[in-house]
Amino acid sequence: MKKGIAIFGKQYEHGYKNETHAPGSVVRVLFDEMIKLEADTAEYLYNTYTDLSHRYKQGSRLILESIASRLKSEDDAEYVDNVIQYCRKIAESCCADTDGFIYGGIEEDIIERTSYWCTDIARVACMLFQVAWFPSRIIVTANTNFAYCGHVVAEVYYDGKWCVTDPNAGIVFKHESGEPASAWDVHNDYEIANRIYRLKDPGRMQGNGIFFPPGEQFESVGIVNYYIDEMEKYSYETSGTNEFYKLILKNAGEKWADGLRWVHGEEFL
């Protein structure tokens, strides 16, 4: 079983070692604990790995409870979509530039200050699911054929199935039948994601499509549990943008004008 920051290869491991979140903080720990999703781990990850019981203690996260109450629906699928659309609005409302950007903190802090950083938004989605007693976890994806092509999303359990969601884009992944689609489903059939992005976020198809269709972001997948009743396990220290990420974000802001490439010498690792 492959676990930790090396599961996507040396180049991506280098990136996780230089993550812009504070050393030892929650996102760093989650990356250290993620398990690679592949044929010999799929059964474990989709059966016994994640606790499906209701772990949230009523009254312990009142701000999240209040938000969940506003998003509440009698239909589980509708609640899932409401949470994802709420998270998308957080991402869209963030206007902080690279120098002023803050990473990390507890989910209530992220909601208050807003963020478009996928790891932080995925954590918000997870907690809004769990406060309403929907099991959920963090999904880390990467297309290891390209430089810096990683994303973090959330997977939620409802109607007896796991469903992967992209909180930044406001997308809930489903089969054409309407049934929830898991990260494992998308890993094995990129068209599930591509079809949804064409319908819901055509701009993403054009943006990521410069290099590859967005479904191929699931070429490699890591899964990690993030439980709402384990806050004491983590540090929620905040941080700014480090120099490692400033150079990556500068090139991303220029739409990789000189071509998508490693900029920190990762190709020589």
C-alpha atoms as a PDB file:
ATOM      1  CA  MET A   1       0.000   0.000   0.000  1.00  0.00           C
ATOM      2  CA  LYS A   2       1.514   3.336  -1.088  1.00  0.00           C
ATOM      3  CA  LYS A   3       1.073   6.111   1.479  1.00  0.00           C
ATOM      4  CA  GLY A   4       2.274   9.669   1.970  1.00  0.00           C
ATOM      5  CA  ILE A   5       3.739  12.443  -0.136  1.00  0.00           C
ATOM      6  CA  ALA A   6       5.733  10.138  -2.418  1.00  0.00           C
ATOM      7  CA  ILE A   7       2.723   8.290  -3.895  1.00  0.00           C
ATOM      8  CA  PHE A   8       2.714  10.397  -7.083  1.00  0.00           C
ATOM      9  CA  GLY A   9       6.457  10.224  -7.731  1.00  0.00           C
ATOM     10  CA  LYS A  10       9.563  12.272  -6.895  1.00  0.00           C
ATOM     11  CA  GLN A  11       8.529  15.471  -8.671  1.00  0.00           C
ATOM     12  CA  TYR A  12       5.239  15.731  -6.806  1.00  0.00           C
ATOM     13  CA  GLU A  13       6.885  14.652  -3.557  1.00  0.00           C
ATOM     14  CA  HIS A  14       9.204  17.652  -3.911  1.00  0.00           C
ATOM     15  CA  GLY A  15       6.156  19.897  -4.218  1.00  0.00           C
ATOM     16  CA  TYR A  16       4.512  18.463  -1.104  1.00  0.00           C
ATOM     17  CA  LYS A  17       7.766  18.944   0.837  1.00  0.00           C
ATOM     18  CA  ASN A  18       7.659  22.616  -0.141  1.00  0.00           C
ATOM     19  CA  GLU A  19       3.905  23.066   0.414  1.00  0.00           C
ATOM     20  CA  THR A  20       2.940  26.644   1.200  1.00  0.00           C
ATOM     21  CA  HIS A  21       0.840  25.602   4.210  1.00  0.00           C
ATOM     22  CA  ALA A  22       2.723  25.839   7.506  1.00  0.00           C
ATOM     23  CA  PRO A  23       4.944  22.855   8.400  1.00  0.00           C
ATOM     24  CA  GLY A  24       3.035  20.443  10.620  1.00  0.00           C
ATOM     25  CA  SER A  25      -0.322  22.054   9.869  1.00  0.00           C
ATOM     26  CA  VAL A  26      -3.462  20.122   8.966  1.00  0.00           C
ATOM     27  CA  VAL A  27      -2.960  20.010   5.189  1.00  0.00           C
ATOM     28  CA  ARG A  28       0.620  18.804   5.576  1.00  0.00           C
ATOM     29  CA  VAL A  29      -0.584  16.000   7.867  1.00  0.00           C
ATOM     30  CA  LEU A  30      -3.331  14.995   5.440  1.00  0.00           C
ATOM     31  CA  PHE A  31      -0.821  14.743   2.596  1.00  0.00           C
ATOM     32  CA  ASP A  32       1.441  12.626   4.791  1.00  0.00           C
ATOM     33  CA  GLU A  33      -1.434  10.221   5.516  1.00  0.00           C
ATOM     34  CA  MET A  34      -3.044   9.880   2.070  1.00  0.00           C
ATOM     35  CA  ILE A  35      -3.228   6.414   0.523  1.00  0.00           C
ATOM     36  CA  LYS A  36      -2.888   5.879  -3.207  1.00  0.00           C
ATOM     37  CA  LEU A  37      -6.064   4.612  -4.859  1.00  0.00           C
ATOM     38  CA  GLU A  38      -5.272   1.723  -7.186  1.00  0.00           C
ATOM     39  CA  ALA A  39      -6.478  -1.794  -7.920  1.00  0.00           C
ATOM     40  CA  ASP A  40      -5.026  -3.385  -4.784  1.00  0.00           C
ATOM     41  CA  THR A  41      -6.298  -0.676  -2.392  1.00  0.00           C
ATOM     42  CA  ALA A  42      -9.705   0.151  -3.901  1.00  0.00           C
ATOM     43  CA  GLU A  43     -11.623  -2.502  -1.960  1.00  0.00           C
ATOM     44  CA  TYR A  44     -10.146  -1.349   1.353  1.00  0.00           C
ATOM     45  CA  LEU A  45     -10.614   2.361   0.630  1.00  0.00           C
ATOM     46  CA  TYR A  46     -14.231   1.858  -0.438  1.00  0.00           C
ATOM     47  CA  ASN A  47     -15.222  -0.503   2.345  1.00  0.00           C
ATOM     48  CA  THR A  48     -13.538  -0.375   5.754  1.00  0.00           C
ATOM     49  CA  TYR A  49     -11.118   2.578   5.533  1.00  0.00           C
ATOM     50  CA  THR A  50     -13.568   5.370   6.370  1.00  0.00           C
ATOM     51  CA  ASP A  51     -15.847   5.292   9.414  1.00  0.00           C
ATOM     52  CA  LEU A  52     -19.423   5.812   8.184  1.00  0.00           C
ATOM     53  CA  SER A  53     -20.871   6.479  11.638  1.00  0.00           C
ATOM     54  CA  HIS A  54     -22.087   9.909  12.807  1.00  0.00           C
ATOM     55  CA  ARG A  55     -19.012  11.374  14.507  1.00  0.00           C
ATOM     56  CA  TYR A  56     -20.148  14.980  14.954  1.00  0.00           C
ATOM     57  CA  LYS A  57     -21.093  16.120  18.463  1.00  0.00           C
ATOM     58  CA  GLN A  58     -24.042  18.492  18.241  1.00  0.00           C
ATOM     59  CA  GLY A  59     -23.180  21.992  19.413  1.00  0.00           C
ATOM     60  CA  SER A  60     -19.405  21.713  18.986  1.00  0.00           C
ATOM     61  CA  ARG A  61     -19.146  23.731  15.730  1.00  0.00           C
ATOM     62  CA  LEU A  62     -22.062  26.174  15.921  1.00  0.00           C
ATOM     63  CA  ILE A  63     -21.061  28.333  12.941  1.00  0.00           C
ATOM     64  CA  LEU A  64     -20.882  25.287  10.694  1.00  0.00           C
ATOM     65  CA  GLU A  65     -24.181  24.027  12.111  1.00  0.00           C
ATOM     66  CA  SER A  66     -25.822  27.349  11.271  1.00  0.00           C
ATOM     67  CA  ILE A  67     -24.563  27.221   7.681  1.00  0.00           C
ATOM     68  CA  ALA A  68     -25.619  23.588   7.323  1.00  0.00           C
ATOM     69  CA  SER A  69     -29.078  24.492   8.610  1.00  0.00           C
ATOM     70  CA  ARG A  70     -29.437  27.131   5.885  1.00  0.00           C
ATOM     71  CA  LEU A  71     -28.379  24.611   3.253  1.00  0.00           C
ATOM     72  CA  LYS A  72     -30.556  21.819   4.643  1.00  0.00           C
ATOM     73  CA  SER A  73     -32.799  19.773   2.376  1.00  0.00           C
ATOM     74  CA  GLU A  74     -34.963  16.706   2.833  1.00  0.00           C
ATOM     75  CA  ASP A  75     -33.223  15.272  -0.210  1.00  0.00           C
ATOM     76  CA  ASP A  76     -29.659  14.104   0.470  1.00  0.00           C
ATOM     77  CA  ALA A  77     -28.486  14.721  -3.086  1.00  0.00           C
ATOM     78  CA  GLU A  78     -29.822  18.270  -2.928  1.00  0.00           C
ATOM     79  CA  TYR A  79     -27.995  18.958   0.340  1.00  0.00           C
ATOM     80  CA  VAL A  80     -24.750  17.697  -1.197  1.00  0.00           C
ATOM     81  CA  ASP A  81     -25.217  20.028  -4.155  1.00  0.00           C
ATOM     82  CA  ASN A  82     -26.132  22.946  -1.857  1.00  0.00           C
ATOM     83  CA  VAL A  83     -22.874  22.504   0.068  1.00  0.00           C
ATOM     84  CA  ILE A  84     -20.814  22.361  -3.102  1.00  0.00           C
ATOM     85  CA  GLN A  85     -22.471  25.466  -4.547  1.00  0.00           C
ATOM     86  CA  TYR A  86     -21.887  27.280  -1.251  1.00  0.00           C
ATOM     87  CA  CYS A  87     -18.198  26.359  -1.387  1.00  0.00           C
ATOM     88  CA  ARG A  88     -17.960  27.496  -4.996  1.00  0.00           C
ATOM     89  CA  LYS A  89     -19.248  30.930  -3.947  1.00  0.00           C
ATOM     90  CA  ILE A  90     -16.554  31.146  -1.267  1.00  0.00           C
ATOM     91  CA  ALA A  91     -13.904  30.462  -3.901  1.00  0.00           C
ATOM     92  CA  GLU A  92     -15.406  32.903  -6.395  1.00  0.00           C
ATOM     93  CA  SER A  93     -15.651  35.709  -3.844  1.00  0.00           C
ATOM     94  CA  CYS A  94     -11.967  35.535  -2.882  1.00  0.00           C
ATOM     95  CA  CYS A  95      -9.923  38.370  -4.343  1.00  0.00           C
ATOM     96  CA  ALA A  96      -6.695  38.124  -2.330  1.00  0.00           C
ATOM     97  CA  ASP A  97      -3.520  38.369  -4.381  1.00  0.00           C
ATOM     98  CA  THR A  98      -0.493  36.106  -3.993  1.00  0.00           C
ATOM     99  CA  ASP A  99       1.282  38.364  -1.489  1.00  0.00           C
ATOM    100  CA  GLY A 100      -1.803  38.830   0.673  1.00  0.00           C
ATOM    101  CA  PHE A 101      -3.110  35.288   0.536  1.00  0.00           C
ATOM    102  CA  ILE A 102      -3.562  33.323   3.777  1.00  0.00           C
ATOM    103  CA  TYR A 103      -3.561  29.531   3.873  1.00  0.00           C
ATOM    104  CA  GLY A 104      -4.866  27.219   6.574  1.00  0.00           C
ATOM    105  CA  GLY A 105      -6.751  27.918   9.778  1.00  0.00           C
ATOM    106  CA  ILE A 106      -9.920  26.213  10.921  1.00  0.00           C
ATOM    107  CA  GLU A 107     -12.796  25.934   8.461  1.00  0.00           C
ATOM    108  CA  GLU A 108     -14.709  28.804  10.072  1.00  0.00           C
ATOM    109  CA  ASP A 109     -11.702  31.070   9.424  1.00  0.00           C
ATOM    110  CA  ILE A 110     -11.551  29.998   5.785  1.00  0.00           C
ATOM    111  CA  ILE A 111     -15.241  30.772   5.324  1.00  0.00           C
ATOM    112  CA  GLU A 112     -14.894  34.196   6.932  1.00  0.00           C
ATOM    113  CA  ARG A 113     -11.856  35.368   4.965  1.00  0.00           C
ATOM    114  CA  THR A 114     -12.757  33.410   1.759  1.00  0.00           C
ATOM    115  CA  SER A 115     -10.269  31.363  -0.252  1.00  0.00           C
ATOM    116  CA  TYR A 116      -9.879  29.838  -3.689  1.00  0.00           C
ATOM    117  CA  TRP A 117      -7.159  27.387  -2.560  1.00  0.00           C
ATOM    118  CA  CYS A 118      -8.498  23.923  -3.263  1.00  0.00           C
ATOM    119  CA  THR A 119      -7.129  22.194  -0.163  1.00  0.00           C
ATOM    120  CA  ASP A 120      -8.797  24.701   2.146  1.00  0.00           C
ATOM    121  CA  ILE A 121     -12.102  24.713   0.258  1.00  0.00           C
ATOM    122  CA  ALA A 122     -12.178  20.896   0.223  1.00  0.00           C
ATOM    123  CA  ARG A 123     -11.793  20.921   4.008  1.00  0.00           C
ATOM    124  CA  VAL A 124     -14.747  23.299   4.325  1.00  0.00           C
ATOM    125  CA  ALA A 125     -16.880  20.980   2.216  1.00  0.00           C
ATOM    126  CA  CYS A 126     -15.870  17.969   4.315  1.00  0.00           C
ATOM    127  CA  MET A 127     -16.848  19.666   7.568  1.00  0.00           C
ATOM    128  CA  LEU A 128     -20.168  20.944   6.218  1.00  0.00           C
ATOM    129  CA  PHE A 129     -20.963  17.390   5.174  1.00  0.00           C
ATOM    130  CA  GLN A 130     -19.964  15.884   8.498  1.00  0.00           C
ATOM    131  CA  VAL A 131     -21.753  18.454  10.650  1.00  0.00           C
ATOM    132  CA  ALA A 132     -24.923  17.225   8.905  1.00  0.00           C
ATOM    133  CA  TRP A 133     -23.836  13.590   9.477  1.00  0.00           C
ATOM    134  CA  PHE A 134     -22.715  12.799   5.955  1.00  0.00           C
ATOM    135  CA  PRO A 135     -19.428  10.838   5.979  1.00  0.00           C
ATOM    136  CA  SER A 136     -16.788  12.563   3.864  1.00  0.00           C
ATOM    137  CA  ARG A 137     -13.059  12.628   3.176  1.00  0.00           C
ATOM    138  CA  ILE A 138     -10.348  14.402   1.218  1.00  0.00           C
ATOM    139  CA  ILE A 139      -9.366  13.343  -2.314  1.00  0.00           C
ATOM    140  CA  VAL A 140      -6.003  14.413  -3.754  1.00  0.00           C
ATOM    141  CA  THR A 141      -5.594  14.103  -7.522  1.00  0.00           C
ATOM    142  CA  ALA A 142      -2.704  14.556  -9.927  1.00  0.00           C
ATOM    143  CA  ASN A 143      -1.900  14.057 -13.574  1.00  0.00           C
ATOM    144  CA  THR A 144       1.663  12.927 -13.141  1.00  0.00           C
ATOM    145  CA  ASN A 145       2.358  13.222 -16.868  1.00  0.00           C
ATOM    146  CA  PHE A 146       2.523  16.996 -16.404  1.00  0.00           C
ATOM    147  CA  ALA A 147       4.133  19.493 -14.025  1.00  0.00           C
ATOM    148  CA  TYR A 148       2.140  20.937 -11.122  1.00  0.00           C
ATOM    149  CA  CYS A 149      -1.177  19.398 -12.211  1.00  0.00           C
ATOM    150  CA  GLY A 150      -2.647  18.568  -8.812  1.00  0.00           C
ATOM    151  CA  HIS A 151      -6.051  19.286  -7.323  1.00  0.00           C
ATOM    152  CA  VAL A 152      -7.814  18.570  -4.027  1.00  0.00           C
ATOM    153  CA  VAL A 153     -11.515  17.759  -3.864  1.00  0.00           C
ATOM    154  CA  ALA A 154     -13.928  16.035  -1.461  1.00  0.00           C
ATOM    155  CA  GLU A 155     -15.791  12.747  -1.502  1.00  0.00           C
ATOM    156  CA  VAL A 156     -19.106  12.352   0.342  1.00  0.00           C
ATOM    157  CA  TYR A 157     -21.148   9.274   1.204  1.00  0.00           C
ATOM    158  CA  TYR A 158     -24.906   9.351   0.644  1.00  0.00           C
ATOM    159  CA  ASP A 159     -27.600   7.033  -0.672  1.00  0.00           C
ATOM    160  CA  GLY A 160     -25.242   4.140   0.066  1.00  0.00           C
ATOM    161  CA  LYS A 161     -22.556   5.353  -2.356  1.00  0.00           C
ATOM    162  CA  TRP A 162     -19.433   7.487  -2.422  1.00  0.00           C
ATOM    163  CA  CYS A 163     -19.629  10.599  -4.609  1.00  0.00           C
ATOM    164  CA  VAL A 164     -16.678  12.776  -5.566  1.00  0.00           C
ATOM    165  CA  THR A 165     -17.241  16.536  -5.698  1.00  0.00           C
ATOM    166  CA  ASP A 166     -15.215  19.571  -6.786  1.00  0.00           C
ATOM    167  CA  PRO A 167     -16.106  22.335  -4.292  1.00  0.00           C
ATOM    168  CA  ASN A 168     -14.066  24.974  -6.144  1.00  0.00           C
ATOM    169  CA  ALA A 169     -15.964  24.417  -9.384  1.00  0.00           C
ATOM    170  CA  GLY A 170     -19.339  23.651  -7.777  1.00  0.00           C
ATOM    171  CA  ILE A 171     -19.479  20.209  -9.393  1.00  0.00           C
ATOM    172  CA  VAL A 172     -20.972  16.957  -8.101  1.00  0.00           C
ATOM    173  CA  PHE A 173     -19.834  14.015 -10.201  1.00  0.00           C
ATOM    174  CA  LYS A 174     -22.553  11.669 -11.403  1.00  0.00           C
ATOM    175  CA  HIS A 175     -22.998   8.945 -13.966  1.00  0.00           C
ATOM    176  CA  GLU A 176     -25.320   9.667 -16.874  1.00  0.00           C
ATOM    177  CA  SER A 177     -27.945   7.675 -14.959  1.00  0.00           C
ATOM    178  CA  GLY A 178     -27.780  10.257 -12.160  1.00  0.00           C
ATOM    179  CA  GLU A 179     -26.096   7.856  -9.734  1.00  0.00           C
ATOM    180  CA  PRO A 180     -23.209   9.267  -7.664  1.00  0.00           C
ATOM    181  CA  ALA A 181     -19.759   8.681  -9.168  1.00  0.00           C
ATOM    182  CA  SER A 182     -16.805   7.975  -6.903  1.00  0.00           C
ATOM    183  CA  ALA A 183     -13.188   9.010  -7.380  1.00  0.00           C
ATOM    184  CA  TRP A 184     -12.488   5.377  -8.321  1.00  0.00           C
ATOM    185  CA  ASP A 185     -15.194   5.573 -11.001  1.00  0.00           C
ATOM    186  CA  VAL A 186     -13.674   8.740 -12.456  1.00  0.00           C
ATOM    187  CA  HIS A 187     -10.141   7.320 -12.234  1.00  0.00           C
ATOM    188  CA  ASN A 188     -11.313   4.458 -14.431  1.00  0.00           C
ATOM    189  CA  ASP A 189     -13.445   6.572 -16.773  1.00  0.00           C
ATOM    190  CA  TYR A 190     -12.299  10.179 -17.276  1.00  0.00           C
ATOM    191  CA  GLU A 191     -15.321  10.898 -19.451  1.00  0.00           C
ATOM    192  CA  ILE A 192     -17.549  10.952 -16.340  1.00  0.00           C
ATOM    193  CA  ALA A 193     -15.754  14.119 -15.264  1.00  0.00           C
ATOM    194  CA  ASN A 194     -15.317  15.581 -18.741  1.00  0.00           C
ATOM    195  CA  ARG A 195     -19.050  15.297 -19.440  1.00  0.00           C
ATOM    196  CA  ILE A 196     -19.908  17.105 -16.197  1.00  0.00           C
ATOM    197  CA  TYR A 197     -17.366  19.887 -16.787  1.00  0.00           C
ATOM    198  CA  ARG A 198     -18.719  20.444 -20.307  1.00  0.00           C
ATOM    199  CA  LEU A 199     -22.155  20.982 -18.802  1.00  0.00           C
ATOM    200  CA  LYS A 200     -21.306  22.834 -15.604  1.00  0.00           C
ATOM    201  CA  ASP A 201     -17.949  24.542 -16.116  1.00  0.00           C
ATOM    202  CA  PRO A 202     -17.047  24.826 -19.806  1.00  0.00           C
ATOM    203  CA  GLY A 203     -14.365  27.383 -18.949  1.00  0.00           C
ATOM    204  CA  ARG A 204     -12.489  24.666 -17.067  1.00  0.00           C
ATOM    205  CA  MET A 205     -12.557  22.522 -20.204  1.00  0.00           C
ATOM    206  CA  GLN A 206     -10.950  25.365 -22.126  1.00  0.00           C
ATOM    207  CA  GLY A 207      -8.460  26.250 -19.371  1.00  0.00           C
ATOM    208  CA  ASN A 208      -7.151  22.838 -18.361  1.00  0.00           C
ATOM    209  CA  GLY A 209      -7.781  21.610 -21.878  1.00  0.00           C
ATOM    210  CA  ILE A 210      -4.691  23.461 -23.031  1.00  0.00           C
ATOM    211  CA  PHE A 211      -2.812  20.503 -21.593  1.00  0.00           C
ATOM    212  CA  PHE A 212      -5.405  17.757 -21.023  1.00  0.00           C
ATOM    213  CA  PRO A 213      -9.161  17.336 -20.402  1.00  0.00           C
ATOM    214  CA  PRO A 214      -9.996  17.851 -16.680  1.00  0.00           C
ATOM    215  CA  GLY A 215     -11.087  14.235 -16.196  1.00  0.00           C
ATOM    216  CA  GLU A 216      -7.464  13.232 -16.637  1.00  0.00           C
ATOM    217  CA  GLN A 217      -6.717  15.055 -13.376  1.00  0.00           C
ATOM    218  CA  PHE A 218      -7.809  11.738 -11.826  1.00  0.00           C
ATOM    219  CA  GLU A 219      -4.908   9.885 -13.472  1.00  0.00           C
ATOM    220  CA  SER A 220      -3.513   9.476  -9.948  1.00  0.00           C
ATOM    221  CA  VAL A 221      -5.611   9.656  -6.783  1.00  0.00           C
ATOM    222  CA  GLY A 222      -4.890   9.708  -3.057  1.00  0.00           C
ATOM    223  CA  ILE A 223      -7.548   9.352  -0.346  1.00  0.00           C
ATOM    224  CA  VAL A 224      -7.298  10.459   3.282  1.00  0.00           C
ATOM    225  CA  ASN A 225      -9.748  10.585   6.178  1.00  0.00           C
ATOM    226  CA  TYR A 226     -10.408  13.950   7.805  1.00  0.00           C
ATOM    227  CA  TYR A 227     -12.782  13.580  10.750  1.00  0.00           C
ATOM    228  CA  ILE A 228     -14.626  16.456  12.390  1.00  0.00           C
ATOM    229  CA  ASP A 229     -14.123  15.054  15.904  1.00  0.00           C
ATOM    230  CA  GLU A 230     -10.328  14.947  15.614  1.00  0.00           C
ATOM    231  CA  MET A 231      -9.466  18.661  15.695  1.00  0.00           C
ATOM    232  CA  GLU A 232      -6.962  18.082  18.500  1.00  0.00           C
ATOM    233  CA  LYS A 233      -4.949  15.909  16.116  1.00  0.00           C
ATOM    234  CA  TYR A 234      -4.049  18.865  13.906  1.00  0.00           C
ATOM    235  CA  SER A 235      -2.376  22.261  13.964  1.00  0.00           C
ATOM    236  CA  TYR A 236      -4.401  24.983  12.270  1.00  0.00           C
ATOM    237  CA  GLU A 237      -1.552  27.466  11.972  1.00  0.00           C
ATOM    238  CA  THR A 238      -1.920  29.867   9.051  1.00  0.00           C
ATOM    239  CA  SER A 239       0.771  30.909   6.579  1.00  0.00           C
ATOM    240  CA  GLY A 240       1.411  33.105   3.577  1.00  0.00           C
ATOM    241  CA  THR A 241       2.644  32.223   0.099  1.00  0.00           C
ATOM    242  CA  ASN A 242       6.186  30.897   0.246  1.00  0.00           C
ATOM    243  CA  GLU A 243       8.841  31.556  -2.393  1.00  0.00           C
ATOM    244  CA  PHE A 244       8.486  28.077  -3.856  1.00  0.00           C
ATOM    245  CA  TYR A 245       4.828  28.669  -4.675  1.00  0.00           C
ATOM    246  CA  LYS A 246       5.250  32.295  -5.704  1.00  0.00           C
ATOM    247  CA  LEU A 247       7.244  31.225  -8.768  1.00  0.00           C
ATOM    248  CA  ILE A 248       4.703  28.549  -9.681  1.00  0.00           C
ATOM    249  CA  LEU A 249       1.790  30.966  -9.263  1.00  0.00           C
ATOM    250  CA  LYS A 250       3.604  33.631 -11.282  1.00  0.00           C
ATOM    251  CA  ASN A 251       3.863  31.243 -14.218  1.00  0.00           C
ATOM    252  CA  ALA A 252       0.276  30.092 -13.744  1.00  0.00           C
ATOM    253  CA  GLY A 253      -0.860  33.733 -13.760  1.00  0.00           C
ATOM    254  CA  GLU A 254       0.892  34.106 -17.100  1.00  0.00           C
ATOM    255  CA  LYS A 255      -0.974  30.993 -18.315  1.00  0.00           C
ATOM    256  CA  TRP A 256       2.345  29.173 -18.628  1.00  0.00           C
ATOM    257  CA  ALA A 257       3.308  31.333 -21.603  1.00  0.00           C
ATOM    258  CA  ASP A 258       6.569  29.430 -22.075  1.00  0.00           C
ATOM    259  CA  GLY A 259       4.843  26.062 -21.735  1.00  0.00           C
ATOM    260  CA  LEU A 260       3.884  24.002 -18.722  1.00  0.00           C
ATOM    261  CA  ARG A 261       7.138  22.849 -17.147  1.00  0.00           C
ATOM    262  CA  TRP A 262       8.910  22.213 -13.867  1.00  0.00           C
ATOM    263  CA  VAL A 263      10.418  25.485 -12.617  1.00  0.00           C
ATOM    264  CA  HIS A 264      12.315  24.245  -9.540  1.00  0.00           C
ATOM    265  CA  GLY A 265      14.507  21.623 -11.217  1.00  0.00           C
ATOM    266  CA  GLU A 266      12.206  18.717 -10.377  1.00  0.00           C
ATOM    267  CA  GLU A 267      12.977  17.010 -13.681  1.00  0.00           C
ATOM    268  CA  PHE A 268      16.470  16.278 -12.358  1.00  0.00           C
ATOM    269  CA  LEU A 269      15.331  14.511  -9.182  1.00  0.00           C
END
